[in-house]
Amino acid sequence: QVQLVESGGGLVQAGGSLRLSCAASGRTFSSYVVAWFRQAPGKEREFVARITMSGAVTWYADSVKGRFTISRDNAKNTVYLQMNSLKPEDTAVYYCATPRAAYIDYGPNSSQYADWGQGTQVTVSS
């Protein structure tokens, strides 16, 4: 099992930027795909972005493509989500997660992710 702790959320005006961090401890973090999801009030949890073990390949939801960038520093056991040009509709609790098994990409389905952080709130005002 891996323990995940998100940080970096906050209140920002539309058009602003935030960088979220996901710090991991426990099993070999560098062996796992890491994903970011978000959940807005009254809505289902949705996929935001994910990154392969080495960081060489990334995927994004259409709603954030071109505005958000996922990256990782395996030496620091940390994954980042740089969020630029934020919109009010980006308001949500953001979670990082790792899947059930190492070295496998399970795609954007949240049910395939076994370990989750506690989340960090991002609020974008108009």
Foldseek 3Di string as FASTA:
>chain_A
DKAWAKDWADEEAAQAKIKMKIAIDDPQLLQWKKFKWWDDPPGDIWTAKIAHSVRPDMDGDPVQPPFWDWGDDSVRRMIMIIGGRDDQVVWTWMKMFTFDDGPDDPPTDPVRTDYIYPTDTHGYHD
